[in-house]
Amino acid sequence: MYFSLEFQNDIPYTKTGYELVYKIKFSQEDVIKFSEITGDKNPIHTELEYAKNTIFKQPIVHGFFVGSVFSRIFGTEYPGLGTIYLNQTMKFISPVFLEEFYYAKIILSEVDVIKGKANVITEIIDSYGASILLGEAKIMHTIYSNQENTTK
């Protein structure tokens, strides 16, 4: 899977409004591995001939595979090691296709310094700027504890 940091704004990383954007792309090999791991062998994801006869006309990436990009971001990039992923909502707006570039965007929307938790807007965007997946995550990490001047 292609995964690369594309943008980081200048807002401090523990303050609301902090934003990161990653460029991502899923390959057929990625989708087959995800299918094997999860047992979701729906041919809409793995079989071109089957997918040609659907409304999408080509294979689509598993929605939860797409959403799992945020687990990678939170657990390894921001805030990183030690993150506890508490909750995630996801609204699947449009399909994600193989070998096309998309953008995974996170925006810190709320910080609870007492509990060391944060709410983060999560979004997958296509190369035209259209929202493909929209959600919100609640995560916990020590970087959010006892921060001064943090907006809730």
N, C-alpha and C. Protein backbone atom coordinates (compact mmCIF):
# COMPACT_ATOMS: atom_id res chain seq x y z
N MET A 1 0.85 -1.18 0.00
CA MET A 1 0.00 0.00 0.00
C MET A 1 0.89 1.24 0.00
N TYR A 2 0.57 2.14 -0.87
CA TYR A 2 1.30 3.41 -0.91
C TYR A 2 0.76 4.29 0.23
N PHE A 3 1.69 4.92 0.97
CA PHE A 3 1.32 5.73 2.12
C PHE A 3 2.40 6.79 2.31
N SER A 4 2.04 8.06 2.16
CA SER A 4 3.04 9.12 2.25
C SER A 4 2.43 10.40 2.81
N LEU A 5 3.13 11.03 3.76
CA LEU A 5 2.68 12.31 4.31
C LEU A 5 2.75 13.37 3.23
N GLU A 6 1.64 14.08 3.03
CA GLU A 6 1.56 15.11 2.00
C GLU A 6 1.46 16.51 2.57
N PHE A 7 0.86 16.66 3.76
CA PHE A 7 0.62 18.00 4.31
C PHE A 7 0.52 17.93 5.82
N GLN A 8 1.05 18.96 6.46
CA GLN A 8 0.93 19.15 7.91
C GLN A 8 0.84 20.65 8.13
N ASN A 9 -0.22 21.09 8.81
CA ASN A 9 -0.34 22.54 9.02
C ASN A 9 0.56 23.00 10.17
N ASP A 10 0.54 24.31 10.43
CA ASP A 10 1.45 24.91 11.42
C ASP A 10 0.88 24.99 12.82
N ILE A 11 -0.34 24.51 13.02
CA ILE A 11 -0.95 24.54 14.35
C ILE A 11 -0.24 23.50 15.23
N PRO A 12 0.05 23.83 16.50
CA PRO A 12 0.69 22.85 17.38
C PRO A 12 -0.10 21.54 17.44
N TYR A 13 0.61 20.42 17.48
CA TYR A 13 -0.01 19.10 17.32
C TYR A 13 -0.97 18.68 18.44
N THR A 14 -1.04 19.42 19.53
CA THR A 14 -2.01 19.10 20.58
C THR A 14 -3.15 20.10 20.63
N LYS A 15 -3.23 20.97 19.66
CA LYS A 15 -4.27 22.01 19.65
C LYS A 15 -5.32 21.71 18.58
N THR A 16 -6.55 22.11 18.86
CA THR A 16 -7.62 21.90 17.88
C THR A 16 -7.26 22.60 16.58
N GLY A 17 -7.60 21.96 15.50
CA GLY A 17 -7.29 22.48 14.18
C GLY A 17 -6.04 21.87 13.56
N TYR A 18 -5.25 21.16 14.38
CA TYR A 18 -4.07 20.49 13.83
C TYR A 18 -4.51 19.52 12.74
N GLU A 19 -3.82 19.53 11.61
CA GLU A 19 -4.24 18.73 10.45
C GLU A 19 -3.06 18.02 9.80
N LEU A 20 -3.30 16.79 9.39
CA LEU A 20 -2.34 16.00 8.61
C LEU A 20 -3.08 15.40 7.43
N VAL A 21 -2.38 15.27 6.30
CA VAL A 21 -2.95 14.63 5.12
C VAL A 21 -1.92 13.65 4.56
N TYR A 22 -2.36 12.42 4.33
CA TYR A 22 -1.52 11.37 3.76
C TYR A 22 -2.07 10.97 2.40
N LYS A 23 -1.17 10.76 1.44
CA LYS A 23 -1.56 10.25 0.13
C LYS A 23 -1.50 8.72 0.21
N ILE A 24 -2.57 8.06 -0.27
CA ILE A 24 -2.66 6.61 -0.17
C ILE A 24 -3.11 6.00 -1.49
N LYS A 25 -2.77 4.72 -1.67
CA LYS A 25 -3.22 3.97 -2.84
C LYS A 25 -3.24 2.50 -2.47
N PHE A 26 -4.29 1.79 -2.87
CA PHE A 26 -4.45 0.37 -2.58
C PHE A 26 -4.21 -0.45 -3.85
N SER A 27 -3.44 -1.52 -3.73
CA SER A 27 -3.18 -2.41 -4.86
C SER A 27 -4.08 -3.64 -4.77
N GLN A 28 -4.16 -4.39 -5.86
CA GLN A 28 -4.92 -5.64 -5.85
C GLN A 28 -4.32 -6.61 -4.84
N GLU A 29 -3.00 -6.64 -4.75
CA GLU A 29 -2.33 -7.51 -3.78
C GLU A 29 -2.73 -7.14 -2.35
N ASP A 30 -2.82 -5.84 -2.05
CA ASP A 30 -3.26 -5.40 -0.73
C ASP A 30 -4.66 -5.92 -0.43
N VAL A 31 -5.55 -5.80 -1.39
CA VAL A 31 -6.95 -6.19 -1.21
C VAL A 31 -7.06 -7.71 -1.02
N ILE A 32 -6.29 -8.46 -1.77
CA ILE A 32 -6.31 -9.93 -1.62
C ILE A 32 -5.82 -10.32 -0.23
N LYS A 33 -4.76 -9.69 0.26
CA LYS A 33 -4.26 -9.97 1.61
C LYS A 33 -5.32 -9.64 2.66
N PHE A 34 -5.98 -8.48 2.51
CA PHE A 34 -7.02 -8.09 3.46
C PHE A 34 -8.16 -9.11 3.43
N SER A 35 -8.52 -9.55 2.23
CA SER A 35 -9.58 -10.54 2.06
C SER A 35 -9.23 -11.84 2.77
N GLU A 36 -7.98 -12.26 2.64
CA GLU A 36 -7.53 -13.50 3.28
C GLU A 36 -7.52 -13.36 4.80
N ILE A 37 -7.05 -12.24 5.30
CA ILE A 37 -6.97 -12.02 6.74
C ILE A 37 -8.36 -11.97 7.38
N THR A 38 -9.28 -11.25 6.72
CA THR A 38 -10.61 -11.05 7.32
C THR A 38 -11.60 -12.15 6.97
N GLY A 39 -11.33 -12.87 5.88
CA GLY A 39 -12.30 -13.86 5.41
C GLY A 39 -13.39 -13.26 4.55
N ASP A 40 -13.34 -11.95 4.31
CA ASP A 40 -14.32 -11.30 3.44
C ASP A 40 -13.87 -11.51 2.00
N LYS A 41 -14.40 -12.55 1.38
CA LYS A 41 -14.00 -12.91 0.02
C LYS A 41 -15.07 -12.54 -1.00
N ASN A 42 -15.81 -11.49 -0.69
CA ASN A 42 -16.80 -10.98 -1.63
C ASN A 42 -16.10 -10.69 -2.95
N PRO A 43 -16.56 -11.28 -4.06
CA PRO A 43 -15.87 -11.09 -5.35
C PRO A 43 -15.90 -9.66 -5.88
N ILE A 44 -16.71 -8.79 -5.32
CA ILE A 44 -16.70 -7.38 -5.73
C ILE A 44 -15.33 -6.75 -5.46
N HIS A 45 -14.58 -7.36 -4.53
CA HIS A 45 -13.26 -6.85 -4.17
C HIS A 45 -12.12 -7.52 -4.93
N THR A 46 -12.31 -8.76 -5.34
CA THR A 46 -11.17 -9.55 -5.82
C THR A 46 -11.28 -10.10 -7.24
N GLU A 47 -12.46 -10.07 -7.83
CA GLU A 47 -12.65 -10.68 -9.15
C GLU A 47 -13.12 -9.66 -10.19
N LEU A 48 -12.25 -9.36 -11.13
CA LEU A 48 -12.54 -8.35 -12.14
C LEU A 48 -13.79 -8.69 -12.94
N GLU A 49 -13.92 -9.92 -13.40
CA GLU A 49 -15.08 -10.30 -14.23
C GLU A 49 -16.38 -10.14 -13.45
N TYR A 50 -16.38 -10.51 -12.20
CA TYR A 50 -17.58 -10.33 -11.37
C TYR A 50 -17.88 -8.84 -11.21
N ALA A 51 -16.85 -8.07 -10.88
CA ALA A 51 -17.02 -6.64 -10.61
C ALA A 51 -17.51 -5.88 -11.85
N LYS A 52 -17.13 -6.34 -13.03
CA LYS A 52 -17.57 -5.68 -14.27
C LYS A 52 -19.09 -5.66 -14.39
N ASN A 53 -19.76 -6.63 -13.77
CA ASN A 53 -21.22 -6.74 -13.86
C ASN A 53 -21.94 -6.07 -12.69
N THR A 54 -21.23 -5.23 -11.94
CA THR A 54 -21.83 -4.50 -10.82
C THR A 54 -21.97 -3.03 -11.19
N ILE A 55 -22.59 -2.27 -10.32
CA ILE A 55 -22.75 -0.83 -10.58
C ILE A 55 -21.40 -0.10 -10.63
N PHE A 56 -20.36 -0.70 -10.06
CA PHE A 56 -19.05 -0.05 -10.01
C PHE A 56 -18.20 -0.36 -11.24
N LYS A 57 -18.50 -1.45 -11.94
CA LYS A 57 -17.81 -1.85 -13.18
C LYS A 57 -16.35 -2.26 -13.00
N GLN A 58 -15.88 -2.26 -11.77
CA GLN A 58 -14.51 -2.68 -11.45
C GLN A 58 -14.43 -3.02 -9.98
N PRO A 59 -13.40 -3.76 -9.56
CA PRO A 59 -13.28 -4.11 -8.14
C PRO A 59 -13.16 -2.86 -7.26
N ILE A 60 -13.71 -2.96 -6.07
CA ILE A 60 -13.61 -1.88 -5.09
C ILE A 60 -12.87 -2.39 -3.85
N VAL A 61 -12.25 -1.47 -3.14
CA VAL A 61 -11.52 -1.80 -1.92
C VAL A 61 -12.53 -1.96 -0.78
N HIS A 62 -12.29 -2.94 0.09
CA HIS A 62 -13.13 -3.13 1.27
C HIS A 62 -13.22 -1.82 2.05
N GLY A 63 -14.42 -1.43 2.44
CA GLY A 63 -14.59 -0.19 3.20
C GLY A 63 -13.80 -0.16 4.49
N PHE A 64 -13.77 -1.29 5.20
CA PHE A 64 -13.04 -1.30 6.46
C PHE A 64 -11.52 -1.32 6.25
N PHE A 65 -11.08 -1.78 5.09
CA PHE A 65 -9.67 -1.69 4.77
C PHE A 65 -9.30 -0.21 4.58
N VAL A 66 -10.16 0.50 3.87
CA VAL A 66 -9.94 1.94 3.68
C VAL A 66 -9.90 2.64 5.03
N GLY A 67 -10.89 2.36 5.87
CA GLY A 67 -10.96 2.99 7.19
C GLY A 67 -9.78 2.63 8.09
N SER A 68 -9.17 1.47 7.84
CA SER A 68 -8.05 1.04 8.69
C SER A 68 -6.82 1.93 8.53
N VAL A 69 -6.80 2.76 7.49
CA VAL A 69 -5.71 3.71 7.32
C VAL A 69 -5.59 4.60 8.56
N PHE A 70 -6.72 4.91 9.18
CA PHE A 70 -6.67 5.78 10.37
C PHE A 70 -6.04 5.07 11.55
N SER A 71 -6.21 3.77 11.65
CA SER A 71 -5.53 3.01 12.70
C SER A 71 -4.02 3.10 12.51
N ARG A 72 -3.58 3.01 11.27
CA ARG A 72 -2.15 3.15 10.98
C ARG A 72 -1.66 4.54 11.37
N ILE A 73 -2.42 5.56 10.98
CA ILE A 73 -2.01 6.93 11.31
C ILE A 73 -1.92 7.11 12.83
N PHE A 74 -2.99 6.76 13.54
CA PHE A 74 -3.01 7.00 14.98
C PHE A 74 -1.99 6.16 15.75
N GLY A 75 -1.80 4.93 15.33
CA GLY A 75 -0.92 4.04 16.07
C GLY A 75 0.56 4.20 15.77
N THR A 76 0.89 4.75 14.59
CA THR A 76 2.30 4.82 14.21
C THR A 76 2.79 6.21 13.83
N GLU A 77 1.88 7.10 13.47
CA GLU A 77 2.29 8.42 13.00
C GLU A 77 1.89 9.53 13.98
N TYR A 78 0.59 9.68 14.18
CA TYR A 78 0.06 10.73 15.06
C TYR A 78 -1.13 10.20 15.84
N PRO A 79 -1.16 10.31 17.14
CA PRO A 79 -0.04 10.75 17.98
C PRO A 79 1.06 9.71 18.09
N GLY A 80 0.82 8.48 17.63
CA GLY A 80 1.88 7.49 17.57
C GLY A 80 1.79 6.40 18.61
N LEU A 81 2.94 5.80 18.88
CA LEU A 81 3.01 4.67 19.81
C LEU A 81 2.34 5.01 21.14
N GLY A 82 1.56 4.07 21.63
CA GLY A 82 0.85 4.27 22.89
C GLY A 82 -0.57 4.77 22.73
N THR A 83 -0.97 5.08 21.50
CA THR A 83 -2.33 5.55 21.27
C THR A 83 -3.33 4.43 21.53
N ILE A 84 -4.40 4.77 22.22
CA ILE A 84 -5.53 3.86 22.43
C ILE A 84 -6.67 4.38 21.57
N TYR A 85 -7.12 3.55 20.66
CA TYR A 85 -8.20 3.89 19.72
C TYR A 85 -9.51 3.52 20.41
N LEU A 86 -10.31 4.49 20.78
CA LEU A 86 -11.51 4.25 21.57
C LEU A 86 -12.78 4.09 20.75
N ASN A 87 -12.89 4.83 19.66
CA ASN A 87 -14.13 4.82 18.89
C ASN A 87 -13.85 5.36 17.49
N GLN A 88 -14.65 4.90 16.52
CA GLN A 88 -14.53 5.41 15.16
C GLN A 88 -15.88 5.30 14.48
N THR A 89 -16.38 6.41 13.94
CA THR A 89 -17.55 6.35 13.07
C THR A 89 -17.05 6.47 11.64
N MET A 90 -17.78 5.84 10.73
CA MET A 90 -17.42 5.93 9.31
C MET A 90 -18.68 5.94 8.47
N LYS A 91 -18.77 6.93 7.60
CA LYS A 91 -19.85 6.97 6.62
C LYS A 91 -19.19 6.77 5.26
N PHE A 92 -19.57 5.68 4.59
CA PHE A 92 -19.02 5.36 3.29
C PHE A 92 -19.84 6.07 2.22
N ILE A 93 -19.26 7.05 1.56
CA ILE A 93 -19.97 7.91 0.61
C ILE A 93 -19.84 7.39 -0.82
N SER A 94 -18.64 7.02 -1.19
CA SER A 94 -18.35 6.52 -2.54
C SER A 94 -17.32 5.40 -2.44
N PRO A 95 -17.23 4.56 -3.47
CA PRO A 95 -16.25 3.47 -3.44
C PRO A 95 -14.83 3.96 -3.63
N VAL A 96 -13.90 3.14 -3.19
CA VAL A 96 -12.48 3.36 -3.42
C VAL A 96 -12.04 2.28 -4.42
N PHE A 97 -11.35 2.70 -5.47
CA PHE A 97 -10.92 1.79 -6.52
C PHE A 97 -9.43 1.50 -6.41
N LEU A 98 -9.04 0.37 -6.95
CA LEU A 98 -7.64 -0.05 -6.93
C LEU A 98 -6.77 0.88 -7.76
N GLU A 99 -5.53 1.04 -7.30
CA GLU A 99 -4.49 1.76 -8.05
C GLU A 99 -4.82 3.21 -8.34
N GLU A 100 -5.70 3.82 -7.55
CA GLU A 100 -5.98 5.25 -7.67
C GLU A 100 -5.52 5.93 -6.39
N PHE A 101 -5.05 7.16 -6.52
CA PHE A 101 -4.60 7.89 -5.34
C PHE A 101 -5.78 8.54 -4.63
N TYR A 102 -5.71 8.49 -3.29
CA TYR A 102 -6.68 9.13 -2.41
C TYR A 102 -5.89 9.83 -1.31
N TYR A 103 -6.60 10.61 -0.52
CA TYR A 103 -5.97 11.33 0.59
C TYR A 103 -6.71 11.02 1.88
N ALA A 104 -5.94 10.67 2.91
CA ALA A 104 -6.49 10.43 4.25
C ALA A 104 -6.17 11.67 5.08
N LYS A 105 -7.22 12.36 5.51
CA LYS A 105 -7.04 13.61 6.27
C LYS A 105 -7.55 13.44 7.68
N ILE A 106 -6.79 13.94 8.65
CA ILE A 106 -7.24 13.99 10.03
C ILE A 106 -7.13 15.42 10.52
N ILE A 107 -8.13 15.84 11.30
CA ILE A 107 -8.13 17.17 11.91
C ILE A 107 -8.50 17.01 13.38
N LEU A 108 -7.65 17.49 14.26
CA LEU A 108 -7.92 17.45 15.69
C LEU A 108 -9.05 18.43 16.00
N SER A 109 -10.18 17.90 16.48
CA SER A 109 -11.36 18.76 16.66
C SER A 109 -11.69 19.07 18.11
N GLU A 110 -11.20 18.25 19.03
CA GLU A 110 -11.49 18.49 20.45
C GLU A 110 -10.45 17.77 21.29
N VAL A 111 -10.03 18.42 22.37
CA VAL A 111 -9.06 17.82 23.28
C VAL A 111 -9.60 17.91 24.70
N ASP A 112 -9.58 16.81 25.40
CA ASP A 112 -9.98 16.75 26.80
C ASP A 112 -8.70 16.52 27.62
N VAL A 113 -8.16 17.60 28.19
CA VAL A 113 -6.88 17.51 28.90
C VAL A 113 -7.01 16.77 30.22
N ILE A 114 -8.20 16.71 30.78
CA ILE A 114 -8.41 15.99 32.04
C ILE A 114 -8.31 14.48 31.80
N LYS A 115 -8.95 14.00 30.74
CA LYS A 115 -8.97 12.57 30.46
C LYS A 115 -7.88 12.12 29.48
N GLY A 116 -7.16 13.08 28.90
CA GLY A 116 -6.11 12.73 27.94
C GLY A 116 -6.67 12.14 26.65
N LYS A 117 -7.84 12.63 26.24
CA LYS A 117 -8.51 12.10 25.04
C LYS A 117 -8.69 13.21 24.02
N ALA A 118 -8.87 12.79 22.78
CA ALA A 118 -9.09 13.74 21.70
C ALA A 118 -10.10 13.18 20.71
N ASN A 119 -10.87 14.07 20.11
CA ASN A 119 -11.72 13.73 18.98
C ASN A 119 -11.02 14.21 17.73
N VAL A 120 -11.07 13.38 16.69
CA VAL A 120 -10.37 13.69 15.45
C VAL A 120 -11.32 13.43 14.28
N ILE A 121 -11.49 14.43 13.43
CA ILE A 121 -12.26 14.24 12.21
C ILE A 121 -11.41 13.42 11.26
N THR A 122 -12.00 12.39 10.66
CA THR A 122 -11.30 11.51 9.73
C THR A 122 -12.00 11.54 8.38
N GLU A 123 -11.23 11.67 7.31
CA GLU A 123 -11.84 11.77 5.99
C GLU A 123 -10.91 11.18 4.93
N ILE A 124 -11.51 10.47 3.99
CA ILE A 124 -10.81 10.02 2.78
C ILE A 124 -11.36 10.87 1.64
N ILE A 125 -10.46 11.41 0.84
CA ILE A 125 -10.82 12.32 -0.24
C ILE A 125 -10.22 11.78 -1.54
N ASP A 126 -10.97 11.88 -2.64
CA ASP A 126 -10.41 11.43 -3.92
C ASP A 126 -9.54 12.53 -4.54
N SER A 127 -8.96 12.23 -5.67
CA SER A 127 -8.02 13.18 -6.30
C SER A 127 -8.71 14.43 -6.84
N TYR A 128 -10.05 14.42 -6.88
CA TYR A 128 -10.81 15.60 -7.32
C TYR A 128 -11.29 16.44 -6.15
N GLY A 129 -11.01 16.00 -4.92
CA GLY A 129 -11.41 16.73 -3.73
C GLY A 129 -12.74 16.31 -3.14
N ALA A 130 -13.35 15.27 -3.70
CA ALA A 130 -14.64 14.79 -3.19
C ALA A 130 -14.44 13.88 -1.98
N SER A 131 -15.31 14.03 -1.00
CA SER A 131 -15.26 13.19 0.19
C SER A 131 -15.76 11.79 -0.15
N ILE A 132 -14.98 10.78 0.20
CA ILE A 132 -15.28 9.38 -0.08
C ILE A 132 -15.72 8.66 1.19
N LEU A 133 -15.08 8.98 2.29
CA LEU A 133 -15.40 8.41 3.61
C LEU A 133 -15.28 9.55 4.61
N LEU A 134 -16.25 9.64 5.50
CA LEU A 134 -16.24 10.69 6.51
C LEU A 134 -16.53 10.08 7.86
N GLY A 135 -15.78 10.47 8.87
CA GLY A 135 -16.01 9.92 10.20
C GLY A 135 -15.37 10.76 11.29
N GLU A 136 -15.41 10.19 12.47
CA GLU A 136 -14.79 10.83 13.63
C GLU A 136 -14.24 9.75 14.54
N ALA A 137 -13.04 9.99 15.04
CA ALA A 137 -12.39 9.06 15.94
C ALA A 137 -12.24 9.69 17.31
N LYS A 138 -12.27 8.84 18.33
CA LYS A 138 -11.91 9.26 19.68
C LYS A 138 -10.70 8.42 20.05
N ILE A 139 -9.62 9.12 20.41
CA ILE A 139 -8.38 8.44 20.78
C ILE A 139 -7.90 8.95 22.13
N MET A 140 -7.02 8.17 22.74
CA MET A 140 -6.44 8.55 24.02
C MET A 140 -4.92 8.41 23.91
N HIS A 141 -4.23 9.44 24.43
CA HIS A 141 -2.77 9.41 24.43
C HIS A 141 -2.28 10.41 25.46
N THR A 142 -1.13 10.14 26.03
CA THR A 142 -0.59 11.01 27.07
C THR A 142 -0.25 12.41 26.57
N ILE A 143 -0.05 12.61 25.26
CA ILE A 143 0.28 13.95 24.78
C ILE A 143 -0.86 14.93 25.00
N TYR A 144 -2.08 14.43 25.17
CA TYR A 144 -3.23 15.31 25.36
C TYR A 144 -3.47 15.67 26.83
N SER A 145 -2.79 15.03 27.75
CA SER A 145 -3.00 15.27 29.17
C SER A 145 -2.32 16.54 29.64
N ASN A 146 -3.07 17.35 30.40
CA ASN A 146 -2.52 18.54 31.05
C ASN A 146 -1.86 19.53 30.10
N GLN A 147 -2.42 19.70 28.93
CA GLN A 147 -1.93 20.72 27.99
C GLN A 147 -2.54 22.06 28.37
N GLU A 148 -1.75 23.09 28.41
CA GLU A 148 -2.26 24.43 28.71
C GLU A 148 -2.87 25.05 27.46
N ASN A 149 -3.90 25.86 27.66
CA ASN A 149 -4.53 26.63 26.59
C ASN A 149 -5.08 25.77 25.46
N THR A 150 -5.53 24.57 25.75
CA THR A 150 -6.12 23.70 24.74
C THR A 150 -7.62 23.91 24.76
N THR A 151 -8.21 24.09 23.60
CA THR A 151 -9.65 24.28 23.50
C THR A 151 -10.33 22.94 23.52
N LYS A 152 -11.40 22.85 24.30
CA LYS A 152 -12.20 21.62 24.33
C LYS A 152 -13.22 21.65 23.24
